[in-house]
Amino acid sequence: MASPKPLHGTDLVDCARANAKQGIETAAYQCGYGEDINTFARELKQACQQMNLQVKELNQLITDQDMILNLGTGEIIAPETSSEL
């Protein structure tokens, strides 16, 4: 659900990170900036600087952990019961 008002600070960074894979337009919308991508980018850059994050592009917010979680979307191979191997 999109934020009803523009987010700032850590809330903005968290929301942007959660939506980074969908692109800057989606991230801006979800973070409450609608179609105002320039303001979103400026506020995000400022929030990252306040948190001492060196981020130049939105996709840099995607962490290695996020990438690993995406890799886990394949088929699960496991025994049918806990006592059966």
PDB file of N, CA and C in Angstrom:
ATOM      1  N   MET A   1       0.842  -1.175   0.000  1.00  0.00           N
ATOM      2  CA  MET A   1       0.000   0.000   0.000  1.00  0.00           C
ATOM      3  C   MET A   1       0.887   1.237   0.000  1.00  0.00           C
ATOM      4  N   ALA A   2       0.573   2.173  -0.813  1.00  0.00           N
ATOM      5  CA  ALA A   2       1.346   3.407  -0.925  1.00  0.00           C
ATOM      6  C   ALA A   2       1.108   4.284   0.298  1.00  0.00           C
ATOM      7  N   SER A   3       2.152   4.991   0.682  1.00  0.00           N
ATOM      8  CA  SER A   3       2.042   5.922   1.797  1.00  0.00           C
ATOM      9  C   SER A   3       1.148   7.092   1.394  1.00  0.00           C
ATOM     10  N   PRO A   4       0.239   7.518   2.290  1.00  0.00           N
ATOM     11  CA  PRO A   4      -0.641   8.640   1.953  1.00  0.00           C
ATOM     12  C   PRO A   4       0.082   9.987   1.933  1.00  0.00           C
ATOM     13  N   LYS A   5       1.254  10.066   2.565  1.00  0.00           N
ATOM     14  CA  LYS A   5       2.046  11.296   2.553  1.00  0.00           C
ATOM     15  C   LYS A   5       3.507  10.922   2.324  1.00  0.00           C
ATOM     16  N   PRO A   6       4.304  11.831   1.800  1.00  0.00           N
ATOM     17  CA  PRO A   6       5.713  11.520   1.523  1.00  0.00           C
ATOM     18  C   PRO A   6       6.479  11.102   2.779  1.00  0.00           C
ATOM     19  N   LEU A   7       7.210  10.025   2.655  1.00  0.00           N
ATOM     20  CA  LEU A   7       8.028   9.529   3.754  1.00  0.00           C
ATOM     21  C   LEU A   7       9.367  10.269   3.792  1.00  0.00           C
ATOM     22  N   HIS A   8      10.005  10.247   4.954  1.00  0.00           N
ATOM     23  CA  HIS A   8      11.306  10.889   5.137  1.00  0.00           C
ATOM     24  C   HIS A   8      12.170  10.009   6.032  1.00  0.00           C
ATOM     25  N   GLY A   9      13.469  10.275   6.038  1.00  0.00           N
ATOM     26  CA  GLY A   9      14.401   9.596   6.933  1.00  0.00           C
ATOM     27  C   GLY A   9      14.470   8.100   6.717  1.00  0.00           C
ATOM     28  N   THR A  10      14.555   7.370   7.833  1.00  0.00           N
ATOM     29  CA  THR A  10      14.707   5.914   7.741  1.00  0.00           C
ATOM     30  C   THR A  10      13.475   5.250   7.128  1.00  0.00           C
ATOM     31  N   ASP A  11      12.298   5.824   7.363  1.00  0.00           N
ATOM     32  CA  ASP A  11      11.085   5.261   6.754  1.00  0.00           C
ATOM     33  C   ASP A  11      11.170   5.312   5.230  1.00  0.00           C
ATOM     34  N   LEU A  12      11.679   6.423   4.709  1.00  0.00           N
ATOM     35  CA  LEU A  12      11.843   6.566   3.264  1.00  0.00           C
ATOM     36  C   LEU A  12      12.846   5.561   2.728  1.00  0.00           C
ATOM     37  N   VAL A  13      13.971   5.416   3.394  1.00  0.00           N
ATOM     38  CA  VAL A  13      15.003   4.478   2.940  1.00  0.00           C
ATOM     39  C   VAL A  13      14.469   3.050   2.972  1.00  0.00           C
ATOM     40  N   ASP A  14      13.759   2.684   4.042  1.00  0.00           N
ATOM     41  CA  ASP A  14      13.203   1.336   4.146  1.00  0.00           C
ATOM     42  C   ASP A  14      12.190   1.060   3.038  1.00  0.00           C
ATOM     43  N   CYS A  15      11.311   2.023   2.785  1.00  0.00           N
ATOM     44  CA  CYS A  15      10.299   1.860   1.740  1.00  0.00           C
ATOM     45  C   CYS A  15      10.945   1.790   0.362  1.00  0.00           C
ATOM     46  N   ALA A  16      11.925   2.658   0.113  1.00  0.00           N
ATOM     47  CA  ALA A  16      12.617   2.665  -1.175  1.00  0.00           C
ATOM     48  C   ALA A  16      13.338   1.346  -1.401  1.00  0.00           C
ATOM     49  N   ARG A  17      13.970   0.829  -0.364  1.00  0.00           N
ATOM     50  CA  ARG A  17      14.678  -0.451  -0.471  1.00  0.00           C
ATOM     51  C   ARG A  17      13.696  -1.586  -0.785  1.00  0.00           C
ATOM     52  N   ALA A  18      12.553  -1.567  -0.129  1.00  0.00           N
ATOM     53  CA  ALA A  18      11.554  -2.618  -0.342  1.00  0.00           C
ATOM     54  C   ALA A  18      10.994  -2.594  -1.763  1.00  0.00           C
ATOM     55  N   ASN A  19      11.017  -1.437  -2.403  1.00  0.00           N
ATOM     56  CA  ASN A  19      10.441  -1.305  -3.736  1.00  0.00           C
ATOM     57  C   ASN A  19      11.472  -1.079  -4.835  1.00  0.00           C
ATOM     58  N   ALA A  20      12.738  -1.142  -4.508  1.00  0.00           N
ATOM     59  CA  ALA A  20      13.814  -0.830  -5.457  1.00  0.00           C
ATOM     60  C   ALA A  20      13.791  -1.732  -6.684  1.00  0.00           C
ATOM     61  N   LYS A  21      13.442  -2.986  -6.505  1.00  0.00           N
ATOM     62  CA  LYS A  21      13.446  -3.925  -7.628  1.00  0.00           C
ATOM     63  C   LYS A  21      12.393  -3.584  -8.673  1.00  0.00           C
ATOM     64  N   GLN A  22      11.327  -2.892  -8.272  1.00  0.00           N
ATOM     65  CA  GLN A  22      10.256  -2.544  -9.188  1.00  0.00           C
ATOM     66  C   GLN A  22      10.557  -1.268  -9.976  1.00  0.00           C
ATOM     67  N   GLY A  23      11.634  -0.562  -9.618  1.00  0.00           N
ATOM     68  CA  GLY A  23      12.017   0.634 -10.358  1.00  0.00           C
ATOM     69  C   GLY A  23      11.678   1.908  -9.601  1.00  0.00           C
ATOM     70  N   ILE A  24      12.263   3.008 -10.085  1.00  0.00           N
ATOM     71  CA  ILE A  24      12.149   4.278  -9.376  1.00  0.00           C
ATOM     72  C   ILE A  24      10.722   4.832  -9.394  1.00  0.00           C
ATOM     73  N   GLU A  25       9.980   4.611 -10.476  1.00  0.00           N
ATOM     74  CA  GLU A  25       8.612   5.124 -10.534  1.00  0.00           C
ATOM     75  C   GLU A  25       7.745   4.479  -9.469  1.00  0.00           C
ATOM     76  N   THR A  26       7.837   3.164  -9.350  1.00  0.00           N
ATOM     77  CA  THR A  26       7.067   2.441  -8.343  1.00  0.00           C
ATOM     78  C   THR A  26       7.514   2.819  -6.942  1.00  0.00           C
ATOM     79  N   ALA A  27       8.825   2.901  -6.735  1.00  0.00           N
ATOM     80  CA  ALA A  27       9.340   3.262  -5.408  1.00  0.00           C
ATOM     81  C   ALA A  27       8.866   4.650  -5.001  1.00  0.00           C
ATOM     82  N   ALA A  28       8.918   5.608  -5.921  1.00  0.00           N
ATOM     83  CA  ALA A  28       8.468   6.970  -5.617  1.00  0.00           C
ATOM     84  C   ALA A  28       6.987   6.964  -5.245  1.00  0.00           C
ATOM     85  N   TYR A  29       6.188   6.234  -5.998  1.00  0.00           N
ATOM     86  CA  TYR A  29       4.756   6.160  -5.724  1.00  0.00           C
ATOM     87  C   TYR A  29       4.483   5.528  -4.359  1.00  0.00           C
ATOM     88  N   GLN A  30       5.130   4.396  -4.092  1.00  0.00           N
ATOM     89  CA  GLN A  30       4.902   3.681  -2.837  1.00  0.00           C
ATOM     90  C   GLN A  30       5.371   4.490  -1.624  1.00  0.00           C
ATOM     91  N   CYS A  31       6.368   5.329  -1.814  1.00  0.00           N
ATOM     92  CA  CYS A  31       6.913   6.136  -0.715  1.00  0.00           C
ATOM     93  C   CYS A  31       6.159   7.448  -0.529  1.00  0.00           C
ATOM     94  N   GLY A  32       5.080   7.655  -1.296  1.00  0.00           N
ATOM     95  CA  GLY A  32       4.227   8.813  -1.107  1.00  0.00           C
ATOM     96  C   GLY A  32       4.547  10.015  -1.973  1.00  0.00           C
ATOM     97  N   TYR A  33       5.410   9.843  -2.990  1.00  0.00           N
ATOM     98  CA  TYR A  33       5.798  10.966  -3.839  1.00  0.00           C
ATOM     99  C   TYR A  33       5.055  10.989  -5.169  1.00  0.00           C
ATOM    100  N   GLY A  34       4.172  10.047  -5.392  1.00  0.00           N
ATOM    101  CA  GLY A  34       3.401  10.013  -6.635  1.00  0.00           C
ATOM    102  C   GLY A  34       4.313   9.960  -7.848  1.00  0.00           C
ATOM    103  N   GLU A  35       4.142  10.896  -8.763  1.00  0.00           N
ATOM    104  CA  GLU A  35       4.957  10.943  -9.977  1.00  0.00           C
ATOM    105  C   GLU A  35       6.111  11.937  -9.865  1.00  0.00           C
ATOM    106  N   ASP A  36       6.315  12.510  -8.682  1.00  0.00           N
ATOM    107  CA  ASP A  36       7.382  13.492  -8.478  1.00  0.00           C
ATOM    108  C   ASP A  36       8.704  12.781  -8.169  1.00  0.00           C
ATOM    109  N   ILE A  37       9.290  12.223  -9.203  1.00  0.00           N
ATOM    110  CA  ILE A  37      10.509  11.424  -9.060  1.00  0.00           C
ATOM    111  C   ILE A  37      11.696  12.280  -8.619  1.00  0.00           C
ATOM    112  N   ASN A  38      11.768  13.525  -9.078  1.00  0.00           N
ATOM    113  CA  ASN A  38      12.889  14.390  -8.698  1.00  0.00           C
ATOM    114  C   ASN A  38      12.920  14.659  -7.198  1.00  0.00           C
ATOM    115  N   THR A  39      11.772  14.978  -6.617  1.00  0.00           N
ATOM    116  CA  THR A  39      11.712  15.218  -5.175  1.00  0.00           C
ATOM    117  C   THR A  39      12.013  13.936  -4.419  1.00  0.00           C
ATOM    118  N   PHE A  40      11.465  12.821  -4.896  1.00  0.00           N
ATOM    119  CA  PHE A  40      11.743  11.524  -4.277  1.00  0.00           C
ATOM    120  C   PHE A  40      13.240  11.244  -4.260  1.00  0.00           C
ATOM    121  N   ALA A  41      13.891  11.414  -5.396  1.00  0.00           N
ATOM    122  CA  ALA A  41      15.329  11.145  -5.495  1.00  0.00           C
ATOM    123  C   ALA A  41      16.126  12.073  -4.573  1.00  0.00           C
ATOM    124  N   ARG A  42      15.746  13.335  -4.519  1.00  0.00           N
ATOM    125  CA  ARG A  42      16.447  14.296  -3.665  1.00  0.00           C
ATOM    126  C   ARG A  42      16.280  13.937  -2.183  1.00  0.00           C
ATOM    127  N   GLU A  43      15.060  13.631  -1.783  1.00  0.00           N
ATOM    128  CA  GLU A  43      14.798  13.279  -0.387  1.00  0.00           C
ATOM    129  C   GLU A  43      15.479  11.962  -0.009  1.00  0.00           C
ATOM    130  N   LEU A  44      15.478  11.003  -0.925  1.00  0.00           N
ATOM    131  CA  LEU A  44      16.129   9.721  -0.667  1.00  0.00           C
ATOM    132  C   LEU A  44      17.635   9.905  -0.510  1.00  0.00           C
ATOM    133  N   LYS A  45      18.225  10.714  -1.364  1.00  0.00           N
ATOM    134  CA  LYS A  45      19.655  10.979  -1.270  1.00  0.00           C
ATOM    135  C   LYS A  45      19.986  11.632   0.064  1.00  0.00           C
ATOM    136  N   GLN A  46      19.173  12.598   0.484  1.00  0.00           N
ATOM    137  CA  GLN A  46      19.396  13.279   1.753  1.00  0.00           C
ATOM    138  C   GLN A  46      19.249  12.307   2.927  1.00  0.00           C
ATOM    139  N   ALA A  47      18.236  11.452   2.883  1.00  0.00           N
ATOM    140  CA  ALA A  47      18.024  10.470   3.950  1.00  0.00           C
ATOM    141  C   ALA A  47      19.189   9.489   4.029  1.00  0.00           C
ATOM    142  N   CYS A  48      19.697   9.065   2.877  1.00  0.00           N
ATOM    143  CA  CYS A  48      20.841   8.146   2.855  1.00  0.00           C
ATOM    144  C   CYS A  48      22.086   8.818   3.430  1.00  0.00           C
ATOM    145  N   GLN A  49      22.295  10.082   3.111  1.00  0.00           N
ATOM    146  CA  GLN A  49      23.450  10.807   3.645  1.00  0.00           C
ATOM    147  C   GLN A  49      23.355  10.921   5.159  1.00  0.00           C
ATOM    148  N   GLN A  50      22.160  11.165   5.686  1.00  0.00           N
ATOM    149  CA  GLN A  50      21.976  11.256   7.124  1.00  0.00           C
ATOM    150  C   GLN A  50      22.261   9.927   7.816  1.00  0.00           C
ATOM    151  N   MET A  51      22.073   8.833   7.089  1.00  0.00           N
ATOM    152  CA  MET A  51      22.330   7.496   7.635  1.00  0.00           C
ATOM    153  C   MET A  51      23.734   7.003   7.282  1.00  0.00           C
ATOM    154  N   ASN A  52      24.543   7.865   6.682  1.00  0.00           N
ATOM    155  CA  ASN A  52      25.904   7.515   6.240  1.00  0.00           C
ATOM    156  C   ASN A  52      25.923   6.368   5.245  1.00  0.00           C
ATOM    157  N   LEU A  53      24.926   6.323   4.373  1.00  0.00           N
ATOM    158  CA  LEU A  53      24.890   5.342   3.294  1.00  0.00           C
ATOM    159  C   LEU A  53      25.379   6.012   2.023  1.00  0.00           C
ATOM    160  N   GLN A  54      26.320   5.383   1.352  1.00  0.00           N
ATOM    161  CA  GLN A  54      26.850   5.901   0.098  1.00  0.00           C
ATOM    162  C   GLN A  54      26.063   5.279  -1.050  1.00  0.00           C
ATOM    163  N   VAL A  55      24.965   5.917  -1.422  1.00  0.00           N
ATOM    164  CA  VAL A  55      24.075   5.398  -2.458  1.00  0.00           C
ATOM    165  C   VAL A  55      23.920   6.450  -3.544  1.00  0.00           C
ATOM    166  N   LYS A  56      24.227   6.054  -4.773  1.00  0.00           N
ATOM    167  CA  LYS A  56      24.069   6.967  -5.905  1.00  0.00           C
ATOM    168  C   LYS A  56      22.871   6.596  -6.762  1.00  0.00           C
ATOM    169  N   GLU A  57      22.459   5.327  -6.704  1.00  0.00           N
ATOM    170  CA  GLU A  57      21.332   4.855  -7.493  1.00  0.00           C
ATOM    171  C   GLU A  57      20.429   4.005  -6.619  1.00  0.00           C
ATOM    172  N   LEU A  58      19.164   3.976  -6.958  1.00  0.00           N
ATOM    173  CA  LEU A  58      18.183   3.232  -6.180  1.00  0.00           C
ATOM    174  C   LEU A  58      18.545   1.762  -6.041  1.00  0.00           C
ATOM    175  N   ASN A  59      19.044   1.155  -7.110  1.00  0.00           N
ATOM    176  CA  ASN A  59      19.333  -0.283  -7.060  1.00  0.00           C
ATOM    177  C   ASN A  59      20.476  -0.630  -6.110  1.00  0.00           C
ATOM    178  N   GLN A  60      21.225   0.368  -5.649  1.00  0.00           N
ATOM    179  CA  GLN A  60      22.276   0.101  -4.668  1.00  0.00           C
ATOM    180  C   GLN A  60      21.702  -0.184  -3.290  1.00  0.00           C
ATOM    181  N   LEU A  61      20.430   0.083  -3.081  1.00  0.00           N
ATOM    182  CA  LEU A  61      19.782  -0.238  -1.822  1.00  0.00           C
ATOM    183  C   LEU A  61      19.458  -1.721  -1.717  1.00  0.00           C
ATOM    184  N   ILE A  62      19.479  -2.425  -2.848  1.00  0.00           N
ATOM    185  CA  ILE A  62      19.207  -3.858  -2.841  1.00  0.00           C
ATOM    186  C   ILE A  62      20.440  -4.561  -2.289  1.00  0.00           C
ATOM    187  N   THR A  63      20.257  -5.265  -1.189  1.00  0.00           N
ATOM    188  CA  THR A  63      21.386  -5.909  -0.515  1.00  0.00           C
ATOM    189  C   THR A  63      21.615  -7.316  -1.047  1.00  0.00           C
ATOM    190  N   ASP A  64      22.769  -7.884  -0.683  1.00  0.00           N
ATOM    191  CA  ASP A  64      23.069  -9.268  -1.047  1.00  0.00           C
ATOM    192  C   ASP A  64      22.025 -10.208  -0.447  1.00  0.00           C
ATOM    193  N   GLN A  65      21.553  -9.882   0.753  1.00  0.00           N
ATOM    194  CA  GLN A  65      20.538 -10.714   1.397  1.00  0.00           C
ATOM    195  C   GLN A  65      19.253 -10.734   0.566  1.00  0.00           C
ATOM    196  N   ASP A  66      18.885  -9.592   0.007  1.00  0.00           N
ATOM    197  CA  ASP A  66      17.699  -9.541  -0.861  1.00  0.00           C
ATOM    198  C   ASP A  66      17.887 -10.442  -2.074  1.00  0.00           C
ATOM    199  N   MET A  67      19.095 -10.422  -2.642  1.00  0.00           N
ATOM    200  CA  MET A  67      19.381 -11.249  -3.818  1.00  0.00           C
ATOM    201  C   MET A  67      19.283 -12.733  -3.473  1.00  0.00           C
ATOM    202  N   ILE A  68      19.797 -13.127  -2.306  1.00  0.00           N
ATOM    203  CA  ILE A  68      19.757 -14.532  -1.884  1.00  0.00           C
ATOM    204  C   ILE A  68      18.319 -14.977  -1.683  1.00  0.00           C
ATOM    205  N   LEU A  69      17.496 -14.110  -1.082  1.00  0.00           N
ATOM    206  CA  LEU A  69      16.088 -14.457  -0.887  1.00  0.00           C
ATOM    207  C   LEU A  69      15.390 -14.693  -2.219  1.00  0.00           C
ATOM    208  N   ASN A  70      15.762 -13.946  -3.234  1.00  0.00           N
ATOM    209  CA  ASN A  70      15.170 -14.134  -4.560  1.00  0.00           C
ATOM    210  C   ASN A  70      15.587 -15.457  -5.172  1.00  0.00           C
ATOM    211  N   LEU A  71      16.796 -15.905  -4.885  1.00  0.00           N
ATOM    212  CA  LEU A  71      17.263 -17.169  -5.436  1.00  0.00           C
ATOM    213  C   LEU A  71      16.492 -18.346  -4.858  1.00  0.00           C
ATOM    214  N   GLY A  72      15.922 -18.178  -3.684  1.00  0.00           N
ATOM    215  CA  GLY A  72      15.202 -19.244  -3.018  1.00  0.00           C
ATOM    216  C   GLY A  72      13.799 -19.481  -3.538  1.00  0.00           C
ATOM    217  N   THR A  73      13.481 -18.990  -4.710  1.00  0.00           N
ATOM    218  CA  THR A  73      12.120 -19.150  -5.227  1.00  0.00           C
ATOM    219  C   THR A  73      11.961 -20.408  -6.073  1.00  0.00           C
ATOM    220  N   GLY A  74      12.947 -21.288  -6.046  1.00  0.00           N
ATOM    221  CA  GLY A  74      12.875 -22.511  -6.846  1.00  0.00           C
ATOM    222  C   GLY A  74      12.097 -23.605  -6.145  1.00  0.00           C
ATOM    223  N   GLU A  75      12.228 -24.803  -6.641  1.00  0.00           N
ATOM    224  CA  GLU A  75      11.512 -25.951  -6.110  1.00  0.00           C
ATOM    225  C   GLU A  75      12.170 -26.432  -4.824  1.00  0.00           C
ATOM    226  N   ILE A  76      11.361 -26.771  -3.824  1.00  0.00           N
ATOM    227  CA  ILE A  76      11.876 -27.278  -2.552  1.00  0.00           C
ATOM    228  C   ILE A  76      11.921 -28.791  -2.634  1.00  0.00           C
ATOM    229  N   ILE A  77      13.093 -29.339  -2.325  1.00  0.00           N
ATOM    230  CA  ILE A  77      13.277 -30.783  -2.338  1.00  0.00           C
ATOM    231  C   ILE A  77      13.529 -31.207  -0.891  1.00  0.00           C
ATOM    232  N   ALA A  78      12.605 -31.977  -0.345  1.00  0.00           N
ATOM    233  CA  ALA A  78      12.695 -32.413   1.049  1.00  0.00           C
ATOM    234  C   ALA A  78      11.957 -33.723   1.227  1.00  0.00           C
ATOM    235  N   PRO A  79      12.271 -34.457   2.304  1.00  0.00           N
ATOM    236  CA  PRO A  79      11.533 -35.704   2.564  1.00  0.00           C
ATOM    237  C   PRO A  79      10.069 -35.392   2.864  1.00  0.00           C
ATOM    238  N   GLU A  80       9.215 -36.387   2.582  1.00  0.00           N
ATOM    239  CA  GLU A  80       7.780 -36.173   2.826  1.00  0.00           C
ATOM    240  C   GLU A  80       7.425 -36.149   4.290  1.00  0.00           C
ATOM    241  N   THR A  81       8.178 -36.845   5.134  1.00  0.00           N
ATOM    242  CA  THR A  81       7.945 -36.815   6.582  1.00  0.00           C
ATOM    243  C   THR A  81       9.276 -36.553   7.265  1.00  0.00           C
ATOM    244  N   SER A  82       9.227 -36.169   8.536  1.00  0.00           N
ATOM    245  CA  SER A  82      10.471 -35.886   9.269  1.00  0.00           C
ATOM    246  C   SER A  82      11.306 -37.122   9.533  1.00  0.00           C
ATOM    247  N   SER A  83      10.693 -38.322   9.520  1.00  0.00           N
ATOM    248  CA  SER A  83      11.447 -39.552   9.770  1.00  0.00           C
ATOM    249  C   SER A  83      11.919 -40.223   8.489  1.00  0.00           C
ATOM    250  N   GLU A  84      11.545 -39.730   7.336  1.00  0.00           N
ATOM    251  CA  GLU A  84      11.860 -40.327   6.051  1.00  0.00           C
ATOM    252  C   GLU A  84      12.910 -39.486   5.329  1.00  0.00           C
ATOM    253  N   LEU A  85      13.993 -40.102   4.901  1.00  0.00           N
ATOM    254  CA  LEU A  85      15.035 -39.382   4.166  1.00  0.00           C
ATOM    255  C   LEU A  85      14.961 -39.630   2.686  1.00  0.00           C
TER     256      LEU A  85
END
